[in-house]
């Protein structure tokens, strides 16, 4: 069965790009456009990994990580942050919260995302 990836991202173009790349590589992809919907889908779909934006409407990535860390059923799901910000203080904070890796939207390409996903969960 295909490994499931949840993308929590409010920019449609990023979602579409990642969904196409990851689906072509054999992953099952679920998308949420804000943190609240992302947590609901996490509980419903039990993804193998989450690609998480930081700045989103309704609930941002830091709050999503806080909620995940409080929930025994979610806290072990690996998270890769995909954000516009590369501020060292933010990267440090999100890594301390348990994020496995970090990508800056303006600098990443879908192949790099794929490689980081494979590193965390395989194919």
PDB file of N, CA and C in Angstrom:
ATOM      1  N   UNK A   1       0.844  -1.195   0.000  1.00  0.00           N
ATOM      2  CA  UNK A   1       0.000   0.000   0.000  1.00  0.00           C
ATOM      3  C   UNK A   1       0.889   1.258   0.000  1.00  0.00           C
ATOM      4  N   UNK A   2       0.445   2.269  -0.710  1.00  0.00           N
ATOM      5  CA  UNK A   2       1.230   3.502  -0.844  1.00  0.00           C
ATOM      6  C   UNK A   2       1.343   4.232   0.487  1.00  0.00           C
ATOM      7  N   UNK A   3       2.510   4.790   0.725  1.00  0.00           N
ATOM      8  CA  UNK A   3       2.697   5.621   1.915  1.00  0.00           C
ATOM      9  C   UNK A   3       1.915   6.919   1.717  1.00  0.00           C
ATOM     10  N   UNK A   4       1.327   7.398   2.804  1.00  0.00           N
ATOM     11  CA  UNK A   4       0.451   8.566   2.736  1.00  0.00           C
ATOM     12  C   UNK A   4       1.156   9.824   3.232  1.00  0.00           C
ATOM     13  N   UNK A   5       1.066  10.884   2.433  1.00  0.00           N
ATOM     14  CA  UNK A   5       1.662  12.169   2.770  1.00  0.00           C
ATOM     15  C   UNK A   5       0.553  13.203   2.909  1.00  0.00           C
ATOM     16  N   UNK A   6       0.555  13.905   4.029  1.00  0.00           N
ATOM     17  CA  UNK A   6      -0.380  15.013   4.227  1.00  0.00           C
ATOM     18  C   UNK A   6       0.381  16.313   4.005  1.00  0.00           C
ATOM     19  N   UNK A   7      -0.109  17.112   3.063  1.00  0.00           N
ATOM     20  CA  UNK A   7       0.468  18.426   2.800  1.00  0.00           C
ATOM     21  C   UNK A   7      -0.456  19.460   3.440  1.00  0.00           C
ATOM     22  N   UNK A   8       0.075  20.227   4.395  1.00  0.00           N
ATOM     23  CA  UNK A   8      -0.703  21.313   5.019  1.00  0.00           C
ATOM     24  C   UNK A   8      -0.077  22.609   4.534  1.00  0.00           C
ATOM     25  N   UNK A   9      -0.731  23.236   3.574  1.00  0.00           N
ATOM     26  CA  UNK A   9      -0.159  24.367   2.845  1.00  0.00           C
ATOM     27  C   UNK A   9      -1.291  25.202   2.257  1.00  0.00           C
ATOM     28  N   UNK A  10      -1.201  26.527   2.394  1.00  0.00           N
ATOM     29  CA  UNK A  10      -2.275  27.389   1.899  1.00  0.00           C
ATOM     30  C   UNK A  10      -2.037  27.936   0.494  1.00  0.00           C
ATOM     31  N   UNK A  11      -0.857  27.707  -0.067  1.00  0.00           N
ATOM     32  CA  UNK A  11      -0.585  28.188  -1.429  1.00  0.00           C
ATOM     33  C   UNK A  11      -0.890  27.081  -2.424  1.00  0.00           C
ATOM     34  N   UNK A  12      -1.933  27.282  -3.231  1.00  0.00           N
ATOM     35  CA  UNK A  12      -2.399  26.250  -4.160  1.00  0.00           C
ATOM     36  C   UNK A  12      -1.309  25.793  -5.119  1.00  0.00           C
ATOM     37  N   UNK A  13      -0.520  26.702  -5.620  1.00  0.00           N
ATOM     38  CA  UNK A  13       0.511  26.328  -6.595  1.00  0.00           C
ATOM     39  C   UNK A  13       1.537  25.370  -5.985  1.00  0.00           C
ATOM     40  N   UNK A  14       1.882  25.590  -4.721  1.00  0.00           N
ATOM     41  CA  UNK A  14       2.822  24.687  -4.024  1.00  0.00           C
ATOM     42  C   UNK A  14       2.164  23.325  -3.820  1.00  0.00           C
ATOM     43  N   UNK A  15       0.906  23.331  -3.383  1.00  0.00           N
ATOM     44  CA  UNK A  15       0.170  22.066  -3.192  1.00  0.00           C
ATOM     45  C   UNK A  15       0.135  21.263  -4.481  1.00  0.00           C
ATOM     46  N   UNK A  16      -0.240  21.928  -5.578  1.00  0.00           N
ATOM     47  CA  UNK A  16      -0.359  21.241  -6.867  1.00  0.00           C
ATOM     48  C   UNK A  16       0.977  20.659  -7.307  1.00  0.00           C
ATOM     49  N   UNK A  17       2.030  21.444  -7.172  1.00  0.00           N
ATOM     50  CA  UNK A  17       3.368  21.017  -7.569  1.00  0.00           C
ATOM     51  C   UNK A  17       3.812  19.786  -6.772  1.00  0.00           C
ATOM     52  N   UNK A  18       3.664  19.862  -5.452  1.00  0.00           N
ATOM     53  CA  UNK A  18       4.076  18.750  -4.596  1.00  0.00           C
ATOM     54  C   UNK A  18       3.201  17.522  -4.819  1.00  0.00           C
ATOM     55  N   UNK A  19       1.895  17.740  -4.957  1.00  0.00           N
ATOM     56  CA  UNK A  19       0.985  16.615  -5.157  1.00  0.00           C
ATOM     57  C   UNK A  19       1.335  15.858  -6.443  1.00  0.00           C
ATOM     58  N   UNK A  20       1.574  16.596  -7.519  1.00  0.00           N
ATOM     59  CA  UNK A  20       1.932  15.955  -8.797  1.00  0.00           C
ATOM     60  C   UNK A  20       3.222  15.139  -8.661  1.00  0.00           C
ATOM     61  N   UNK A  21       4.236  15.738  -8.087  1.00  0.00           N
ATOM     62  CA  UNK A  21       5.539  15.072  -7.960  1.00  0.00           C
ATOM     63  C   UNK A  21       5.432  13.826  -7.081  1.00  0.00           C
ATOM     64  N   UNK A  22       4.807  13.955  -5.934  1.00  0.00           N
ATOM     65  CA  UNK A  22       4.744  12.844  -4.983  1.00  0.00           C
ATOM     66  C   UNK A  22       3.819  11.726  -5.468  1.00  0.00           C
ATOM     67  N   UNK A  23       2.732  12.089  -6.137  1.00  0.00           N
ATOM     68  CA  UNK A  23       1.819  11.085  -6.679  1.00  0.00           C
ATOM     69  C   UNK A  23       2.512  10.275  -7.781  1.00  0.00           C
ATOM     70  N   UNK A  24       3.258  10.981  -8.629  1.00  0.00           N
ATOM     71  CA  UNK A  24       4.005  10.293  -9.698  1.00  0.00           C
ATOM     72  C   UNK A  24       5.009   9.297  -9.131  1.00  0.00           C
ATOM     73  N   UNK A  25       5.503   9.589  -7.946  1.00  0.00           N
ATOM     74  CA  UNK A  25       6.487   8.703  -7.311  1.00  0.00           C
ATOM     75  C   UNK A  25       5.837   7.571  -6.520  1.00  0.00           C
ATOM     76  N   UNK A  26       4.495   7.515  -6.551  1.00  0.00           N
ATOM     77  CA  UNK A  26       3.806   6.391  -5.932  1.00  0.00           C
ATOM     78  C   UNK A  26       3.237   6.641  -4.546  1.00  0.00           C
ATOM     79  N   UNK A  27       3.322   7.869  -4.065  1.00  0.00           N
ATOM     80  CA  UNK A  27       2.761   8.185  -2.752  1.00  0.00           C
ATOM     81  C   UNK A  27       1.282   8.553  -2.879  1.00  0.00           C
ATOM     82  N   UNK A  28       0.552   8.345  -1.814  1.00  0.00           N
ATOM     83  CA  UNK A  28      -0.833   8.806  -1.714  1.00  0.00           C
ATOM     84  C   UNK A  28      -0.775  10.177  -1.038  1.00  0.00           C
ATOM     85  N   UNK A  29      -1.426  11.186  -1.618  1.00  0.00           N
ATOM     86  CA  UNK A  29      -1.322  12.554  -1.112  1.00  0.00           C
ATOM     87  C   UNK A  29      -2.679  13.086  -0.679  1.00  0.00           C
ATOM     88  N   UNK A  30      -2.708  13.683   0.515  1.00  0.00           N
ATOM     89  CA  UNK A  30      -3.889  14.354   1.053  1.00  0.00           C
ATOM     90  C   UNK A  30      -3.485  15.805   1.288  1.00  0.00           C
ATOM     91  N   UNK A  31      -4.398  16.742   1.003  1.00  0.00           N
ATOM     92  CA  UNK A  31      -4.072  18.161   1.157  1.00  0.00           C
ATOM     93  C   UNK A  31      -5.044  18.843   2.115  1.00  0.00           C
ATOM     94  N   UNK A  32      -4.477  19.707   2.967  1.00  0.00           N
ATOM     95  CA  UNK A  32      -5.265  20.601   3.827  1.00  0.00           C
ATOM     96  C   UNK A  32      -4.710  22.002   3.620  1.00  0.00           C
ATOM     97  N   UNK A  33      -5.583  23.006   3.604  1.00  0.00           N
ATOM     98  CA  UNK A  33      -5.128  24.369   3.308  1.00  0.00           C
ATOM     99  C   UNK A  33      -4.964  25.236   4.546  1.00  0.00           C
ATOM    100  N   UNK A  34      -5.170  24.667   5.735  1.00  0.00           N
ATOM    101  CA  UNK A  34      -4.883  25.390   6.974  1.00  0.00           C
ATOM    102  C   UNK A  34      -4.630  24.368   8.077  1.00  0.00           C
ATOM    103  N   UNK A  35      -4.100  24.853   9.193  1.00  0.00           N
ATOM    104  CA  UNK A  35      -3.720  23.954  10.277  1.00  0.00           C
ATOM    105  C   UNK A  35      -4.866  23.210  10.924  1.00  0.00           C
ATOM    106  N   UNK A  36      -6.014  23.845  11.046  1.00  0.00           N
ATOM    107  CA  UNK A  36      -7.172  23.181  11.674  1.00  0.00           C
ATOM    108  C   UNK A  36      -7.602  21.986  10.827  1.00  0.00           C
ATOM    109  N   UNK A  37      -7.777  22.206   9.516  1.00  0.00           N
ATOM    110  CA  UNK A  37      -8.142  21.106   8.623  1.00  0.00           C
ATOM    111  C   UNK A  37      -7.041  20.048   8.598  1.00  0.00           C
ATOM    112  N   UNK A  38      -5.803  20.506   8.689  1.00  0.00           N
ATOM    113  CA  UNK A  38      -4.684  19.576   8.698  1.00  0.00           C
ATOM    114  C   UNK A  38      -4.737  18.611   9.871  1.00  0.00           C
ATOM    115  N   UNK A  39      -5.043  19.126  11.046  1.00  0.00           N
ATOM    116  CA  UNK A  39      -5.145  18.257  12.225  1.00  0.00           C
ATOM    117  C   UNK A  39      -6.297  17.274  12.085  1.00  0.00           C
ATOM    118  N   UNK A  40      -7.414  17.735  11.538  1.00  0.00           N
ATOM    119  CA  UNK A  40      -8.567  16.838  11.313  1.00  0.00           C
ATOM    120  C   UNK A  40      -8.151  15.708  10.362  1.00  0.00           C
ATOM    121  N   UNK A  41      -7.504  16.081   9.255  1.00  0.00           N
ATOM    122  CA  UNK A  41      -7.095  15.063   8.277  1.00  0.00           C
ATOM    123  C   UNK A  41      -6.033  14.137   8.854  1.00  0.00           C
ATOM    124  N   UNK A  42      -5.170  14.666   9.713  1.00  0.00           N
ATOM    125  CA  UNK A  42      -4.168  13.829  10.363  1.00  0.00           C
ATOM    126  C   UNK A  42      -4.833  12.734  11.182  1.00  0.00           C
ATOM    127  N   UNK A  43      -5.864  13.122  11.927  1.00  0.00           N
ATOM    128  CA  UNK A  43      -6.564  12.153  12.778  1.00  0.00           C
ATOM    129  C   UNK A  43      -7.367  11.162  11.937  1.00  0.00           C
ATOM    130  N   UNK A  44      -7.932  11.623  10.824  1.00  0.00           N
ATOM    131  CA  UNK A  44      -8.738  10.750   9.964  1.00  0.00           C
ATOM    132  C   UNK A  44      -7.876   9.824   9.117  1.00  0.00           C
ATOM    133  N   UNK A  45      -6.816  10.368   8.518  1.00  0.00           N
ATOM    134  CA  UNK A  45      -6.069   9.649   7.494  1.00  0.00           C
ATOM    135  C   UNK A  45      -4.777   9.001   7.968  1.00  0.00           C
ATOM    136  N   UNK A  46      -4.302   9.358   9.148  1.00  0.00           N
ATOM    137  CA  UNK A  46      -3.069   8.785   9.694  1.00  0.00           C
ATOM    138  C   UNK A  46      -1.935   8.773   8.666  1.00  0.00           C
ATOM    139  N   UNK A  47      -1.458   9.950   8.262  1.00  0.00           N
ATOM    140  CA  UNK A  47      -0.389   9.981   7.250  1.00  0.00           C
ATOM    141  C   UNK A  47       0.918   9.430   7.802  1.00  0.00           C
ATOM    142  N   UNK A  48       1.779   9.004   6.876  1.00  0.00           N
ATOM    143  CA  UNK A  48       3.109   8.528   7.250  1.00  0.00           C
ATOM    144  C   UNK A  48       4.057   9.690   7.501  1.00  0.00           C
ATOM    145  N   UNK A  49       3.749  10.846   6.892  1.00  0.00           N
ATOM    146  CA  UNK A  49       4.567  12.046   7.057  1.00  0.00           C
ATOM    147  C   UNK A  49       3.710  13.270   6.742  1.00  0.00           C
ATOM    148  N   UNK A  50       4.100  14.412   7.312  1.00  0.00           N
ATOM    149  CA  UNK A  50       3.399  15.678   7.066  1.00  0.00           C
ATOM    150  C   UNK A  50       4.384  16.692   6.496  1.00  0.00           C
ATOM    151  N   UNK A  51       3.985  17.363   5.417  1.00  0.00           N
ATOM    152  CA  UNK A  51       4.720  18.517   4.891  1.00  0.00           C
ATOM    153  C   UNK A  51       3.947  19.732   5.371  1.00  0.00           C
ATOM    154  N   UNK A  52       4.570  20.568   6.181  1.00  0.00           N
ATOM    155  CA  UNK A  52       3.856  21.600   6.928  1.00  0.00           C
ATOM    156  C   UNK A  52       4.378  23.005   6.658  1.00  0.00           C
ATOM    157  N   UNK A  53       3.467  23.886   6.263  1.00  0.00           N
ATOM    158  CA  UNK A  53       3.778  25.310   6.126  1.00  0.00           C
ATOM    159  C   UNK A  53       3.701  25.942   7.517  1.00  0.00           C
ATOM    160  N   UNK A  54       4.372  27.056   7.727  1.00  0.00           N
ATOM    161  CA  UNK A  54       4.347  27.738   9.024  1.00  0.00           C
ATOM    162  C   UNK A  54       3.276  28.827   9.063  1.00  0.00           C
ATOM    163  N   UNK A  55       3.255  29.688   8.048  1.00  0.00           N
ATOM    164  CA  UNK A  55       2.316  30.812   8.038  1.00  0.00           C
ATOM    165  C   UNK A  55       1.097  30.432   7.207  1.00  0.00           C
ATOM    166  N   UNK A  56      -0.039  30.235   7.904  1.00  0.00           N
ATOM    167  CA  UNK A  56      -1.293  29.862   7.239  1.00  0.00           C
ATOM    168  C   UNK A  56      -2.462  30.513   7.963  1.00  0.00           C
ATOM    169  N   UNK A  57      -3.607  30.612   7.274  1.00  0.00           N
ATOM    170  CA  UNK A  57      -4.798  31.126   7.941  1.00  0.00           C
ATOM    171  C   UNK A  57      -5.323  30.127   8.977  1.00  0.00           C
ATOM    172  N   UNK A  58      -6.094  30.611   9.913  1.00  0.00           N
ATOM    173  CA  UNK A  58      -6.778  29.830  10.967  1.00  0.00           C
ATOM    174  C   UNK A  58      -5.829  29.249  12.011  1.00  0.00           C
ATOM    175  N   UNK A  59      -4.827  28.477  11.581  1.00  0.00           N
ATOM    176  CA  UNK A  59      -3.853  27.914  12.522  1.00  0.00           C
ATOM    177  C   UNK A  59      -2.551  27.683  11.768  1.00  0.00           C
ATOM    178  N   UNK A  60      -1.459  28.222  12.281  1.00  0.00           N
ATOM    179  CA  UNK A  60      -0.163  28.097  11.627  1.00  0.00           C
ATOM    180  C   UNK A  60       0.580  26.838  12.037  1.00  0.00           C
ATOM    181  N   UNK A  61       1.751  26.671  11.437  1.00  0.00           N
ATOM    182  CA  UNK A  61       2.547  25.474  11.658  1.00  0.00           C
ATOM    183  C   UNK A  61       3.028  25.264  13.079  1.00  0.00           C
ATOM    184  N   UNK A  62       3.396  26.355  13.766  1.00  0.00           N
ATOM    185  CA  UNK A  62       3.837  26.194  15.158  1.00  0.00           C
ATOM    186  C   UNK A  62       2.709  25.630  16.019  1.00  0.00           C
ATOM    187  N   UNK A  63       1.496  26.144  15.808  1.00  0.00           N
ATOM    188  CA  UNK A  63       0.338  25.664  16.584  1.00  0.00           C
ATOM    189  C   UNK A  63       0.019  24.209  16.227  1.00  0.00           C
ATOM    190  N   UNK A  64       0.157  23.855  14.951  1.00  0.00           N
ATOM    191  CA  UNK A  64      -0.071  22.466  14.541  1.00  0.00           C
ATOM    192  C   UNK A  64       0.923  21.548  15.263  1.00  0.00           C
ATOM    193  N   UNK A  65       2.190  21.954  15.295  1.00  0.00           N
ATOM    194  CA  UNK A  65       3.203  21.147  15.989  1.00  0.00           C
ATOM    195  C   UNK A  65       2.892  21.022  17.478  1.00  0.00           C
ATOM    196  N   UNK A  66       2.441  22.116  18.096  1.00  0.00           N
ATOM    197  CA  UNK A  66       2.069  22.060  19.515  1.00  0.00           C
ATOM    198  C   UNK A  66       0.953  21.048  19.740  1.00  0.00           C
ATOM    199  N   UNK A  67      -0.072  21.085  18.880  1.00  0.00           N
ATOM    200  CA  UNK A  67      -1.191  20.154  19.010  1.00  0.00           C
ATOM    201  C   UNK A  67      -0.740  18.711  18.770  1.00  0.00           C
ATOM    202  N   UNK A  68       0.107  18.515  17.784  1.00  0.00           N
ATOM    203  CA  UNK A  68       0.621  17.168  17.511  1.00  0.00           C
ATOM    204  C   UNK A  68       1.385  16.622  18.713  1.00  0.00           C
ATOM    205  N   UNK A  69       2.198  17.473  19.324  1.00  0.00           N
ATOM    206  CA  UNK A  69       3.010  17.026  20.463  1.00  0.00           C
ATOM    207  C   UNK A  69       2.168  16.673  21.680  1.00  0.00           C
ATOM    208  N   UNK A  70       0.970  17.237  21.787  1.00  0.00           N
ATOM    209  CA  UNK A  70       0.071  16.932  22.908  1.00  0.00           C
ATOM    210  C   UNK A  70      -0.715  15.644  22.683  1.00  0.00           C
ATOM    211  N   UNK A  71      -0.768  15.175  21.443  1.00  0.00           N
ATOM    212  CA  UNK A  71      -1.619  14.045  21.077  1.00  0.00           C
ATOM    213  C   UNK A  71      -0.760  12.794  20.865  1.00  0.00           C
ATOM    214  N   UNK A  72      -0.948  11.804  21.706  1.00  0.00           N
ATOM    215  CA  UNK A  72      -0.157  10.564  21.633  1.00  0.00           C
ATOM    216  C   UNK A  72      -0.248   9.898  20.267  1.00  0.00           C
ATOM    217  N   UNK A  73      -1.386  10.019  19.597  1.00  0.00           N
ATOM    218  CA  UNK A  73      -1.566   9.348  18.307  1.00  0.00           C
ATOM    219  C   UNK A  73      -0.923  10.106  17.155  1.00  0.00           C
ATOM    220  N   UNK A  74      -0.554  11.379  17.371  1.00  0.00           N
ATOM    221  CA  UNK A  74       0.013  12.196  16.301  1.00  0.00           C
ATOM    222  C   UNK A  74       1.484  12.548  16.497  1.00  0.00           C
ATOM    223  N   UNK A  75       1.966  12.488  17.731  1.00  0.00           N
ATOM    224  CA  UNK A  75       3.273  13.070  18.030  1.00  0.00           C
ATOM    225  C   UNK A  75       4.451  12.378  17.353  1.00  0.00           C
ATOM    226  N   UNK A  76       4.270  11.138  16.905  1.00  0.00           N
ATOM    227  CA  UNK A  76       5.372  10.431  16.268  1.00  0.00           C
ATOM    228  C   UNK A  76       5.367  10.520  14.744  1.00  0.00           C
ATOM    229  N   UNK A  77       4.396  11.241  14.177  1.00  0.00           N
ATOM    230  CA  UNK A  77       4.363  11.410  12.721  1.00  0.00           C
ATOM    231  C   UNK A  77       5.480  12.386  12.340  1.00  0.00           C
ATOM    232  N   UNK A  78       6.382  11.989  11.434  1.00  0.00           N
ATOM    233  CA  UNK A  78       7.456  12.904  11.045  1.00  0.00           C
ATOM    234  C   UNK A  78       6.909  14.125  10.304  1.00  0.00           C
ATOM    235  N   UNK A  79       7.538  15.272  10.538  1.00  0.00           N
ATOM    236  CA  UNK A  79       7.128  16.529   9.909  1.00  0.00           C
ATOM    237  C   UNK A  79       8.329  17.145   9.190  1.00  0.00           C
ATOM    238  N   UNK A  80       8.095  17.543   7.943  1.00  0.00           N
ATOM    239  CA  UNK A  80       9.060  18.354   7.210  1.00  0.00           C
ATOM    240  C   UNK A  80       8.402  19.701   6.981  1.00  0.00           C
ATOM    241  N   UNK A  81       9.035  20.750   7.440  1.00  0.00           N
ATOM    242  CA  UNK A  81       8.487  22.099   7.295  1.00  0.00           C
ATOM    243  C   UNK A  81       8.870  22.652   5.926  1.00  0.00           C
ATOM    244  N   UNK A  82       7.885  23.232   5.243  1.00  0.00           N
ATOM    245  CA  UNK A  82       8.096  23.896   3.960  1.00  0.00           C
ATOM    246  C   UNK A  82       7.592  25.319   4.146  1.00  0.00           C
ATOM    247  N   UNK A  83       8.508  26.280   4.256  1.00  0.00           N
ATOM    248  CA  UNK A  83       8.112  27.631   4.627  1.00  0.00           C
ATOM    249  C   UNK A  83       8.832  28.691   3.802  1.00  0.00           C
ATOM    250  N   UNK A  84       8.267  29.888   3.805  1.00  0.00           N
ATOM    251  CA  UNK A  84       8.927  31.026   3.158  1.00  0.00           C
ATOM    252  C   UNK A  84      10.051  31.582   4.016  1.00  0.00           C
ATOM    253  N   UNK A  85      10.002  31.315   5.300  1.00  0.00           N
ATOM    254  CA  UNK A  85      10.970  31.895   6.220  1.00  0.00           C
ATOM    255  C   UNK A  85      12.134  30.942   6.465  1.00  0.00           C
ATOM    256  N   UNK A  86      13.322  31.483   6.396  1.00  0.00           N
ATOM    257  CA  UNK A  86      14.493  30.684   6.726  1.00  0.00           C
ATOM    258  C   UNK A  86      15.210  31.248   7.934  1.00  0.00           C
ATOM    259  N   UNK A  87      14.471  31.987   8.765  1.00  0.00           N
ATOM    260  CA  UNK A  87      15.075  32.608   9.940  1.00  0.00           C
ATOM    261  C   UNK A  87      15.616  31.536  10.893  1.00  0.00           C
ATOM    262  N   UNK A  88      16.895  31.613  11.267  1.00  0.00           N
ATOM    263  CA  UNK A  88      17.471  30.600  12.166  1.00  0.00           C
ATOM    264  C   UNK A  88      16.664  30.406  13.447  1.00  0.00           C
ATOM    265  N   UNK A  89      16.100  31.467  13.998  1.00  0.00           N
ATOM    266  CA  UNK A  89      15.330  31.335  15.238  1.00  0.00           C
ATOM    267  C   UNK A  89      14.075  30.489  15.003  1.00  0.00           C
ATOM    268  N   UNK A  90      13.430  30.641  13.842  1.00  0.00           N
ATOM    269  CA  UNK A  90      12.249  29.835  13.537  1.00  0.00           C
ATOM    270  C   UNK A  90      12.636  28.385  13.269  1.00  0.00           C
ATOM    271  N   UNK A  91      13.708  28.187  12.525  1.00  0.00           N
ATOM    272  CA  UNK A  91      14.161  26.825  12.231  1.00  0.00           C
ATOM    273  C   UNK A  91      14.510  26.111  13.537  1.00  0.00           C
ATOM    274  N   UNK A  92      15.212  26.786  14.414  1.00  0.00           N
ATOM    275  CA  UNK A  92      15.582  26.213  15.702  1.00  0.00           C
ATOM    276  C   UNK A  92      14.343  25.865  16.522  1.00  0.00           C
ATOM    277  N   UNK A  93      13.384  26.774  16.553  1.00  0.00           N
ATOM    278  CA  UNK A  93      12.155  26.546  17.329  1.00  0.00           C
ATOM    279  C   UNK A  93      11.382  25.332  16.813  1.00  0.00           C
ATOM    280  N   UNK A  94      11.206  25.250  15.490  1.00  0.00           N
ATOM    281  CA  UNK A  94      10.400  24.163  14.941  1.00  0.00           C
ATOM    282  C   UNK A  94      11.126  22.824  15.079  1.00  0.00           C
ATOM    283  N   UNK A  95      12.462  22.828  14.998  1.00  0.00           N
ATOM    284  CA  UNK A  95      13.214  21.582  15.195  1.00  0.00           C
ATOM    285  C   UNK A  95      13.108  21.114  16.643  1.00  0.00           C
ATOM    286  N   UNK A  96      13.138  22.076  17.571  1.00  0.00           N
ATOM    287  CA  UNK A  96      12.963  21.716  18.990  1.00  0.00           C
ATOM    288  C   UNK A  96      11.576  21.130  19.240  1.00  0.00           C
ATOM    289  N   UNK A  97      10.616  21.514  18.410  1.00  0.00           N
ATOM    290  CA  UNK A  97       9.251  20.993  18.538  1.00  0.00           C
ATOM    291  C   UNK A  97       9.112  19.620  17.883  1.00  0.00           C
ATOM    292  N   UNK A  98      10.157  19.185  17.178  1.00  0.00           N
ATOM    293  CA  UNK A  98      10.142  17.837  16.631  1.00  0.00           C
ATOM    294  C   UNK A  98      10.191  17.720  15.119  1.00  0.00           C
ATOM    295  N   UNK A  99      10.231  18.836  14.398  1.00  0.00           N
ATOM    296  CA  UNK A  99      10.311  18.739  12.935  1.00  0.00           C
ATOM    297  C   UNK A  99      11.594  18.024  12.538  1.00  0.00           C
ATOM    298  N   UNK A 100      11.493  17.155  11.551  1.00  0.00           N
ATOM    299  CA  UNK A 100      12.644  16.354  11.109  1.00  0.00           C
ATOM    300  C   UNK A 100      13.519  17.106  10.116  1.00  0.00           C
ATOM    301  N   UNK A 101      12.905  18.023   9.357  1.00  0.00           N
ATOM    302  CA  UNK A 101      13.673  18.711   8.327  1.00  0.00           C
ATOM    303  C   UNK A 101      12.971  20.012   7.968  1.00  0.00           C
ATOM    304  N   UNK A 102      13.621  20.816   7.122  1.00  0.00           N
ATOM    305  CA  UNK A 102      13.160  22.159   6.797  1.00  0.00           C
ATOM    306  C   UNK A 102      13.503  22.480   5.356  1.00  0.00           C
ATOM    307  N   UNK A 103      12.562  23.058   4.623  1.00  0.00           N
ATOM    308  CA  UNK A 103      12.799  23.529   3.251  1.00  0.00           C
ATOM    309  C   UNK A 103      12.277  24.948   3.123  1.00  0.00           C
ATOM    310  N   UNK A 104      13.007  25.765   2.391  1.00  0.00           N
ATOM    311  CA  UNK A 104      12.549  27.130   2.140  1.00  0.00           C
ATOM    312  C   UNK A 104      11.921  27.156   0.746  1.00  0.00           C
ATOM    313  N   UNK A 105      10.654  27.610   0.678  1.00  0.00           N
ATOM    314  CA  UNK A 105       9.880  27.547  -0.573  1.00  0.00           C
ATOM    315  C   UNK A 105      10.594  28.172  -1.755  1.00  0.00           C
ATOM    316  N   UNK A 106      11.226  29.311  -1.546  1.00  0.00           N
ATOM    317  CA  UNK A 106      11.845  30.002  -2.676  1.00  0.00           C
ATOM    318  C   UNK A 106      13.091  29.292  -3.191  1.00  0.00           C
ATOM    319  N   UNK A 107      13.620  28.346  -2.407  1.00  0.00           N
ATOM    320  CA  UNK A 107      14.868  27.683  -2.786  1.00  0.00           C
ATOM    321  C   UNK A 107      14.718  26.204  -3.115  1.00  0.00           C
ATOM    322  N   UNK A 108      13.596  25.591  -2.779  1.00  0.00           N
ATOM    323  CA  UNK A 108      13.499  24.145  -2.973  1.00  0.00           C
ATOM    324  C   UNK A 108      12.959  23.806  -4.349  1.00  0.00           C
ATOM    325  N   UNK A 109      13.270  22.576  -4.766  1.00  0.00           N
ATOM    326  CA  UNK A 109      12.595  22.056  -5.940  1.00  0.00           C
ATOM    327  C   UNK A 109      11.911  20.758  -5.514  1.00  0.00           C
ATOM    328  N   UNK A 110      10.898  20.320  -6.270  1.00  0.00           N
ATOM    329  CA  UNK A 110      10.141  19.132  -5.860  1.00  0.00           C
ATOM    330  C   UNK A 110      11.010  17.891  -5.670  1.00  0.00           C
ATOM    331  N   UNK A 111      12.108  17.782  -6.422  1.00  0.00           N
ATOM    332  CA  UNK A 111      13.001  16.633  -6.269  1.00  0.00           C
ATOM    333  C   UNK A 111      13.635  16.623  -4.875  1.00  0.00           C
ATOM    334  N   UNK A 112      13.968  17.810  -4.369  1.00  0.00           N
ATOM    335  CA  UNK A 112      14.546  17.906  -3.025  1.00  0.00           C
ATOM    336  C   UNK A 112      13.523  17.475  -1.972  1.00  0.00           C
ATOM    337  N   UNK A 113      12.277  17.872  -2.165  1.00  0.00           N
ATOM    338  CA  UNK A 113      11.216  17.449  -1.241  1.00  0.00           C
ATOM    339  C   UNK A 113      11.110  15.925  -1.266  1.00  0.00           C
ATOM    340  N   UNK A 114      11.083  15.361  -2.463  1.00  0.00           N
ATOM    341  CA  UNK A 114      10.991  13.913  -2.613  1.00  0.00           C
ATOM    342  C   UNK A 114      12.139  13.208  -1.883  1.00  0.00           C
ATOM    343  N   UNK A 115      13.346  13.709  -2.050  1.00  0.00           N
ATOM    344  CA  UNK A 115      14.504  13.096  -1.379  1.00  0.00           C
ATOM    345  C   UNK A 115      14.377  13.153   0.131  1.00  0.00           C
ATOM    346  N   UNK A 116      13.893  14.275   0.653  1.00  0.00           N
ATOM    347  CA  UNK A 116      13.742  14.398   2.110  1.00  0.00           C
ATOM    348  C   UNK A 116      12.631  13.479   2.624  1.00  0.00           C
ATOM    349  N   UNK A 117      11.554  13.332   1.858  1.00  0.00           N
ATOM    350  CA  UNK A 117      10.471  12.415   2.236  1.00  0.00           C
ATOM    351  C   UNK A 117      10.999  10.983   2.257  1.00  0.00           C
ATOM    352  N   UNK A 118      11.707  10.598   1.201  1.00  0.00           N
ATOM    353  CA  UNK A 118      12.266   9.222   1.142  1.00  0.00           C
ATOM    354  C   UNK A 118      13.205   8.949   2.306  1.00  0.00           C
ATOM    355  N   UNK A 119      13.979   9.961   2.680  1.00  0.00           N
ATOM    356  CA  UNK A 119      14.909   9.810   3.808  1.00  0.00           C
ATOM    357  C   UNK A 119      14.148   9.509   5.094  1.00  0.00           C
ATOM    358  N   UNK A 120      12.978  10.111   5.261  1.00  0.00           N
ATOM    359  CA  UNK A 120      12.205   9.926   6.490  1.00  0.00           C
ATOM    360  C   UNK A 120      11.354   8.651   6.495  1.00  0.00           C
ATOM    361  N   UNK A 121      10.702   8.347   5.355  1.00  0.00           N
ATOM    362  CA  UNK A 121       9.735   7.239   5.371  1.00  0.00           C
ATOM    363  C   UNK A 121       9.956   6.199   4.286  1.00  0.00           C
ATOM    364  N   UNK A 122      10.955   6.377   3.425  1.00  0.00           N
ATOM    365  CA  UNK A 122      11.161   5.427   2.342  1.00  0.00           C
ATOM    366  C   UNK A 122      10.136   5.637   1.239  1.00  0.00           C
ATOM    367  N   UNK A 123       9.961   4.617   0.432  1.00  0.00           N
ATOM    368  CA  UNK A 123       9.048   4.726  -0.719  1.00  0.00           C
ATOM    369  C   UNK A 123       7.730   4.048  -0.395  1.00  0.00           C
TER     370      UNK A 123
END
